[in-house]
Structures are given as C-alpha cells and as structure tokens.
Amino acid sequence: MDEPTLPPESRTERLFLRMTILQTVMTAAAVIISLAALYAAFVQAESSRRQTEAAVWPYVDIGYTISRESGDALGVVFVENTGIGPARIRAARVTVDGEPQSSWADAMAALGHVREPFTYITLTNQVMPAGQILNLLTLHNGEIGQPMRNLWSERVRIDYCYCSVFDQCWVQSEPDMETPRAVEQCPAWDGERFEN
C-alpha cells in the first residue's frame, strides 16, 4: 500500500508559515530586550540607592581635650559627627577595667575620682547633625591631668552604636580608633547598657 501524499503547500500557507516564524523571532527579541532593560533599571536603582545612602553617611567619633579658661582647667570628653549626614546614637556601653558602668558617677568612682566635679550630657538617643560636637563629659578641676589620663587610657572603653536616617548602623569602640563595624541593628547590651 502506498503512503498517502500530502498536497503541495500553497503559496498562502508558505507565506503564513514565514510570518509565524518571523513573529516568533520578533517576540523572542522583544523579550530579550525587555529583560535587558529590566536589568539595567535594577542596576541603576541600586546605584542610586547607594549614592543616596552615601550622601547621608554619619561618622561619630569620641575624643578628648584639656584646656585652661581663666586659670581653671577643663577636661572634656566630646562626641563629634564628622560624617556628612545626621546620626542617631542608639546605645552605649562604658567599662572601667572590663567592668560595665551605668553612669559617669560610677565610672569616675571606679577610676578613683569620687569627688571629681563634672557635668555631662546623655549620650544615648542623641540625634547629631553632621558637623555637630557635643561635650559628653566635662571635668572641672584645677588638676585635671590625671583624671583625664585615667579616662582616656586602656582602663576605660566606650562602645557605642549609631545609625543613619536609613537605619544603617555601626558600632564603634574608643579609644581603639578602629573603623566602625557595620551591624544589622544596635546591640542591646542588656545589663551593661550605659544610662548617661
């Protein structure tokens, strides 16, 4: 028995087949171009996000100074935002000889300066604009040298966590002077949290 033969394709059928193939190729090309455009938009959005975050990056640092004003000596521990965006200091921990302190009075007592006259501001929950300097702790004493050396020595460690307006957070330790370490969120420092 002979195989049935198909009738030859008509010109219309051949034209329709070519148009179908052409449409398939054009559709595939459109999908590829759309995916490339989507990828480019994603890369651009990520780049814009990083630029925006960098434009408000805070950098909070703690230092100290000793000065004499009209015969009186002042020792100042200061905090400064040297970054280019505001910073919110969310948590702090101060230790003396490895022991956590809850206040500046406790820290000064642990250093042996119980009667040292001082004033302070609260470190945590401060919102610092870029360029702001705050006098964190001011010692008022004619003989300020030894208390300041004790405060700014290996005996005292100040750890603090601050965040940008985009909730990017960093932990810094003084007097280590290392680069701040990025963290997902500020540590709670339960039981060791500094309250001043």
C-alpha atoms as a PDB file:
ATOM      1  CA  MET A   1       0.000   0.000   0.000  1.00  0.00           C
ATOM      2  CA  ASP A   2       1.293   3.404  -0.901  1.00  0.00           C
ATOM      3  CA  GLU A   3       1.791   6.163   1.644  1.00  0.00           C
ATOM      4  CA  PRO A   4      -0.696   8.956   1.246  1.00  0.00           C
ATOM      5  CA  THR A   5       0.986  12.025  -0.153  1.00  0.00           C
ATOM      6  CA  LEU A   6       0.274  15.453   1.158  1.00  0.00           C
ATOM      7  CA  PRO A   7      -0.783  18.006  -1.319  1.00  0.00           C
ATOM      8  CA  PRO A   8       1.873  20.624  -2.011  1.00  0.00           C
ATOM      9  CA  GLU A   9       1.742  23.746   0.173  1.00  0.00           C
ATOM     10  CA  SER A  10       0.024  26.626  -1.345  1.00  0.00           C
ATOM     11  CA  ARG A  11       1.695  29.971  -1.621  1.00  0.00           C
ATOM     12  CA  THR A  12      -0.632  31.367   1.072  1.00  0.00           C
ATOM     13  CA  GLU A  13       0.342  28.612   3.503  1.00  0.00           C
ATOM     14  CA  ARG A  14       4.064  29.202   2.908  1.00  0.00           C
ATOM     15  CA  LEU A  15       3.598  32.945   3.464  1.00  0.00           C
ATOM     16  CA  PHE A  16       1.636  32.292   6.670  1.00  0.00           C
ATOM     17  CA  LEU A  17       4.390  29.940   7.955  1.00  0.00           C
ATOM     18  CA  ARG A  18       7.081  32.550   7.251  1.00  0.00           C
ATOM     19  CA  MET A  19       5.065  35.234   9.032  1.00  0.00           C
ATOM     20  CA  THR A  20       4.600  32.944  12.056  1.00  0.00           C
ATOM     21  CA  ILE A  21       8.338  32.291  12.260  1.00  0.00           C
ATOM     22  CA  LEU A  22       9.078  36.000  11.862  1.00  0.00           C
ATOM     23  CA  GLN A  23       6.578  36.863  14.631  1.00  0.00           C
ATOM     24  CA  THR A  24       8.168  34.257  16.928  1.00  0.00           C
ATOM     25  CA  VAL A  25      11.645  35.674  16.314  1.00  0.00           C
ATOM     26  CA  MET A  26      10.395  39.227  16.911  1.00  0.00           C
ATOM     27  CA  THR A  27       8.633  38.173  20.128  1.00  0.00           C
ATOM     28  CA  ALA A  28      11.786  36.461  21.405  1.00  0.00           C
ATOM     29  CA  ALA A  29      13.840  39.561  20.566  1.00  0.00           C
ATOM     30  CA  ALA A  30      11.324  41.774  22.405  1.00  0.00           C
ATOM     31  CA  VAL A  31      11.518  39.523  25.487  1.00  0.00           C
ATOM     32  CA  ILE A  32      15.344  39.656  25.459  1.00  0.00           C
ATOM     33  CA  ILE A  33      15.334  43.453  25.074  1.00  0.00           C
ATOM     34  CA  SER A  34      12.776  43.783  27.889  1.00  0.00           C
ATOM     35  CA  LEU A  35      14.894  41.624  30.210  1.00  0.00           C
ATOM     36  CA  ALA A  36      17.987  43.687  29.391  1.00  0.00           C
ATOM     37  CA  ALA A  37      16.073  46.912  30.104  1.00  0.00           C
ATOM     38  CA  LEU A  38      14.780  45.473  33.385  1.00  0.00           C
ATOM     39  CA  TYR A  39      18.321  44.523  34.427  1.00  0.00           C
ATOM     40  CA  ALA A  40      19.631  47.998  33.506  1.00  0.00           C
ATOM     41  CA  ALA A  41      16.832  49.615  35.544  1.00  0.00           C
ATOM     42  CA  PHE A  42      17.675  47.398  38.538  1.00  0.00           C
ATOM     43  CA  VAL A  43      21.378  48.286  38.324  1.00  0.00           C
ATOM     44  CA  GLN A  44      20.531  51.993  38.048  1.00  0.00           C
ATOM     45  CA  ALA A  45      18.141  51.833  41.013  1.00  0.00           C
ATOM     46  CA  GLU A  46      20.766  50.030  43.139  1.00  0.00           C
ATOM     47  CA  SER A  47      23.374  52.615  42.165  1.00  0.00           C
ATOM     48  CA  SER A  48      21.007  55.477  43.049  1.00  0.00           C
ATOM     49  CA  ARG A  49      20.207  53.857  46.406  1.00  0.00           C
ATOM     50  CA  ARG A  50      23.900  53.536  47.255  1.00  0.00           C
ATOM     51  CA  GLN A  51      24.582  57.132  46.232  1.00  0.00           C
ATOM     52  CA  THR A  52      21.707  58.350  48.407  1.00  0.00           C
ATOM     53  CA  GLU A  53      22.943  56.317  51.386  1.00  0.00           C
ATOM     54  CA  ALA A  54      26.486  57.637  50.905  1.00  0.00           C
ATOM     55  CA  ALA A  55      25.170  61.208  50.788  1.00  0.00           C
ATOM     56  CA  VAL A  56      23.875  60.900  54.365  1.00  0.00           C
ATOM     57  CA  TRP A  57      26.598  58.685  55.872  1.00  0.00           C
ATOM     58  CA  PRO A  58      27.353  59.661  59.506  1.00  0.00           C
ATOM     59  CA  TYR A  59      30.682  59.067  61.250  1.00  0.00           C
ATOM     60  CA  VAL A  60      30.604  59.531  65.014  1.00  0.00           C
ATOM     61  CA  ASP A  61      33.860  59.811  66.907  1.00  0.00           C
ATOM     62  CA  ILE A  62      34.754  60.397  70.557  1.00  0.00           C
ATOM     63  CA  GLY A  63      37.836  62.332  71.642  1.00  0.00           C
ATOM     64  CA  TYR A  64      39.112  64.485  74.469  1.00  0.00           C
ATOM     65  CA  THR A  65      40.769  67.809  75.119  1.00  0.00           C
ATOM     66  CA  ILE A  66      42.261  69.650  78.085  1.00  0.00           C
ATOM     67  CA  SER A  67      42.135  73.427  78.282  1.00  0.00           C
ATOM     68  CA  ARG A  68      42.563  76.251  80.761  1.00  0.00           C
ATOM     69  CA  GLU A  69      39.994  79.001  80.897  1.00  0.00           C
ATOM     70  CA  SER A  70      40.784  81.936  83.190  1.00  0.00           C
ATOM     71  CA  GLY A  71      43.004  79.776  85.380  1.00  0.00           C
ATOM     72  CA  ASP A  72      40.555  76.880  85.669  1.00  0.00           C
ATOM     73  CA  ALA A  73      41.352  73.593  83.963  1.00  0.00           C
ATOM     74  CA  LEU A  74      38.691  71.817  81.958  1.00  0.00           C
ATOM     75  CA  GLY A  75      38.924  68.277  80.714  1.00  0.00           C
ATOM     76  CA  VAL A  76      36.354  67.484  78.041  1.00  0.00           C
ATOM     77  CA  VAL A  77      35.368  64.178  76.507  1.00  0.00           C
ATOM     78  CA  PHE A  78      33.481  65.124  73.360  1.00  0.00           C
ATOM     79  CA  VAL A  79      31.488  63.335  70.710  1.00  0.00           C
ATOM     80  CA  GLU A  80      31.547  64.605  67.130  1.00  0.00           C
ATOM     81  CA  ASN A  81      29.733  63.666  63.941  1.00  0.00           C
ATOM     82  CA  THR A  82      32.384  64.145  61.263  1.00  0.00           C
ATOM     83  CA  GLY A  83      30.266  62.428  58.615  1.00  0.00           C
ATOM     84  CA  ILE A  84      28.053  64.051  56.006  1.00  0.00           C
ATOM     85  CA  GLY A  85      24.670  63.024  57.385  1.00  0.00           C
ATOM     86  CA  PRO A  86      22.811  63.008  60.701  1.00  0.00           C
ATOM     87  CA  ALA A  87      23.448  60.234  63.227  1.00  0.00           C
ATOM     88  CA  ARG A  88      21.260  58.817  65.948  1.00  0.00           C
ATOM     89  CA  ILE A  89      23.198  57.307  68.827  1.00  0.00           C
ATOM     90  CA  ARG A  90      21.040  54.413  69.945  1.00  0.00           C
ATOM     91  CA  ALA A  91      23.082  52.600  72.580  1.00  0.00           C
ATOM     92  CA  ALA A  92      26.294  52.848  74.573  1.00  0.00           C
ATOM     93  CA  ARG A  93      28.366  50.807  76.996  1.00  0.00           C
ATOM     94  CA  VAL A  94      31.168  52.153  79.199  1.00  0.00           C
ATOM     95  CA  THR A  95      33.505  49.803  81.044  1.00  0.00           C
ATOM     96  CA  VAL A  96      36.285  50.512  83.538  1.00  0.00           C
ATOM     97  CA  ASP A  97      38.837  47.713  83.857  1.00  0.00           C
ATOM     98  CA  GLY A  98      36.372  45.481  81.983  1.00  0.00           C
ATOM     99  CA  GLU A  99      33.500  46.137  84.405  1.00  0.00           C
ATOM    100  CA  PRO A 100      30.363  47.784  82.936  1.00  0.00           C
ATOM    101  CA  GLN A 101      29.348  51.138  84.400  1.00  0.00           C
ATOM    102  CA  SER A 102      25.826  52.539  84.383  1.00  0.00           C
ATOM    103  CA  SER A 103      26.712  56.227  84.808  1.00  0.00           C
ATOM    104  CA  TRP A 104      29.576  58.716  84.688  1.00  0.00           C
ATOM    105  CA  ALA A 105      29.473  58.913  88.513  1.00  0.00           C
ATOM    106  CA  ASP A 106      30.040  55.134  88.662  1.00  0.00           C
ATOM    107  CA  ALA A 107      32.833  55.353  86.086  1.00  0.00           C
ATOM    108  CA  MET A 108      34.605  58.178  87.930  1.00  0.00           C
ATOM    109  CA  ALA A 109      34.295  56.288  91.234  1.00  0.00           C
ATOM    110  CA  ALA A 110      35.739  53.143  89.631  1.00  0.00           C
ATOM    111  CA  LEU A 111      38.685  55.250  88.443  1.00  0.00           C
ATOM    112  CA  GLY A 112      39.253  56.543  91.986  1.00  0.00           C
ATOM    113  CA  HIS A 113      37.940  60.063  91.406  1.00  0.00           C
ATOM    114  CA  VAL A 114      34.876  60.017  93.645  1.00  0.00           C
ATOM    115  CA  ARG A 115      34.877  63.738  94.412  1.00  0.00           C
ATOM    116  CA  GLU A 116      35.751  64.890  90.913  1.00  0.00           C
ATOM    117  CA  PRO A 117      33.383  67.740  89.914  1.00  0.00           C
ATOM    118  CA  PHE A 118      31.918  67.113  86.468  1.00  0.00           C
ATOM    119  CA  THR A 119      28.987  67.797  84.175  1.00  0.00           C
ATOM    120  CA  TYR A 120      27.709  65.567  81.380  1.00  0.00           C
ATOM    121  CA  ILE A 121      25.087  65.119  78.705  1.00  0.00           C
ATOM    122  CA  THR A 122      23.294  61.891  77.922  1.00  0.00           C
ATOM    123  CA  LEU A 123      24.963  60.015  75.071  1.00  0.00           C
ATOM    124  CA  THR A 124      22.189  57.656  74.042  1.00  0.00           C
ATOM    125  CA  ASN A 125      19.241  58.786  71.950  1.00  0.00           C
ATOM    126  CA  GLN A 126      21.128  61.852  70.741  1.00  0.00           C
ATOM    127  CA  VAL A 127      20.433  62.905  67.163  1.00  0.00           C
ATOM    128  CA  MET A 128      23.520  64.648  65.851  1.00  0.00           C
ATOM    129  CA  PRO A 129      23.525  66.648  62.627  1.00  0.00           C
ATOM    130  CA  ALA A 130      26.667  66.440  60.506  1.00  0.00           C
ATOM    131  CA  GLY A 131      29.444  68.574  61.955  1.00  0.00           C
ATOM    132  CA  GLN A 132      27.976  68.803  65.458  1.00  0.00           C
ATOM    133  CA  ILE A 133      30.241  68.478  68.505  1.00  0.00           C
ATOM    134  CA  LEU A 134      28.789  67.760  71.951  1.00  0.00           C
ATOM    135  CA  ASN A 135      30.692  67.927  75.239  1.00  0.00           C
ATOM    136  CA  LEU A 136      29.856  64.500  76.561  1.00  0.00           C
ATOM    137  CA  LEU A 137      31.696  64.826  79.895  1.00  0.00           C
ATOM    138  CA  THR A 138      33.376  67.932  81.325  1.00  0.00           C
ATOM    139  CA  LEU A 139      35.688  67.695  84.340  1.00  0.00           C
ATOM    140  CA  HIS A 140      36.074  70.898  86.371  1.00  0.00           C
ATOM    141  CA  ASN A 141      39.281  70.688  88.357  1.00  0.00           C
ATOM    142  CA  GLY A 142      42.486  72.662  88.741  1.00  0.00           C
ATOM    143  CA  GLU A 143      44.474  69.432  88.436  1.00  0.00           C
ATOM    144  CA  ILE A 144      42.730  67.815  85.521  1.00  0.00           C
ATOM    145  CA  GLY A 145      45.654  65.883  84.049  1.00  0.00           C
ATOM    146  CA  GLN A 146      45.468  62.619  85.997  1.00  0.00           C
ATOM    147  CA  PRO A 147      41.674  62.157  85.792  1.00  0.00           C
ATOM    148  CA  MET A 148      41.813  62.734  82.015  1.00  0.00           C
ATOM    149  CA  ARG A 149      44.710  60.293  81.617  1.00  0.00           C
ATOM    150  CA  ASN A 150      42.669  57.717  83.536  1.00  0.00           C
ATOM    151  CA  LEU A 151      39.568  58.404  81.449  1.00  0.00           C
ATOM    152  CA  TRP A 152      41.469  58.143  78.175  1.00  0.00           C
ATOM    153  CA  SER A 153      43.500  55.039  78.869  1.00  0.00           C
ATOM    154  CA  GLU A 154      43.231  51.317  78.373  1.00  0.00           C
ATOM    155  CA  ARG A 155      41.244  51.170  81.618  1.00  0.00           C
ATOM    156  CA  VAL A 156      38.199  52.830  80.055  1.00  0.00           C
ATOM    157  CA  ARG A 157      36.391  51.552  76.986  1.00  0.00           C
ATOM    158  CA  ILE A 158      33.417  53.274  75.380  1.00  0.00           C
ATOM    159  CA  ASP A 159      31.365  51.251  72.907  1.00  0.00           C
ATOM    160  CA  TYR A 160      28.537  52.981  71.123  1.00  0.00           C
ATOM    161  CA  CYS A 161      26.160  52.263  68.279  1.00  0.00           C
ATOM    162  CA  TYR A 162      24.793  54.866  65.891  1.00  0.00           C
ATOM    163  CA  CYS A 163      22.547  54.738  62.823  1.00  0.00           C
ATOM    164  CA  SER A 164      21.882  56.778  59.707  1.00  0.00           C
ATOM    165  CA  VAL A 165      18.481  58.026  58.584  1.00  0.00           C
ATOM    166  CA  PHE A 166      18.234  54.814  56.501  1.00  0.00           C
ATOM    167  CA  ASP A 167      18.728  52.682  59.647  1.00  0.00           C
ATOM    168  CA  GLN A 168      22.178  51.550  58.627  1.00  0.00           C
ATOM    169  CA  CYS A 169      24.001  51.036  61.916  1.00  0.00           C
ATOM    170  CA  TRP A 170      27.618  50.901  63.081  1.00  0.00           C
ATOM    171  CA  VAL A 171      29.354  50.024  66.342  1.00  0.00           C
ATOM    172  CA  GLN A 172      32.475  51.988  67.303  1.00  0.00           C
ATOM    173  CA  SER A 173      34.804  51.485  70.259  1.00  0.00           C
ATOM    174  CA  GLU A 174      37.054  54.085  71.846  1.00  0.00           C
ATOM    175  CA  PRO A 175      39.906  54.531  72.376  1.00  0.00           C
ATOM    176  CA  ASP A 176      40.565  51.784  69.764  1.00  0.00           C
ATOM    177  CA  MET A 177      40.147  54.267  66.894  1.00  0.00           C
ATOM    178  CA  GLU A 178      39.292  51.452  64.508  1.00  0.00           C
ATOM    179  CA  THR A 179      36.921  51.717  61.581  1.00  0.00           C
ATOM    180  CA  PRO A 180      33.302  51.412  62.734  1.00  0.00           C
ATOM    181  CA  ARG A 181      31.824  47.942  62.244  1.00  0.00           C
ATOM    182  CA  ALA A 182      28.537  47.737  60.320  1.00  0.00           C
ATOM    183  CA  VAL A 183      25.775  45.835  62.151  1.00  0.00           C
ATOM    184  CA  GLU A 184      22.204  44.866  61.263  1.00  0.00           C
ATOM    185  CA  GLN A 185      20.901  46.540  64.426  1.00  0.00           C
ATOM    186  CA  CYS A 186      22.361  48.052  67.562  1.00  0.00           C
ATOM    187  CA  PRO A 187      23.191  45.599  70.363  1.00  0.00           C
ATOM    188  CA  ALA A 188      21.025  45.713  73.478  1.00  0.00           C
ATOM    189  CA  TRP A 189      23.973  45.331  75.883  1.00  0.00           C
ATOM    190  CA  ASP A 190      21.479  44.013  78.430  1.00  0.00           C
ATOM    191  CA  GLY A 191      22.701  44.633  81.965  1.00  0.00           C
ATOM    192  CA  GLU A 192      25.719  46.558  80.617  1.00  0.00           C
ATOM    193  CA  ARG A 193      23.917  49.447  78.963  1.00  0.00           C
ATOM    194  CA  PHE A 194      25.229  52.893  79.875  1.00  0.00           C
ATOM    195  CA  GLU A 195      22.377  55.086  81.055  1.00  0.00           C
ATOM    196  CA  ASN A 196      24.066  58.531  80.950  1.00  0.00           C
END
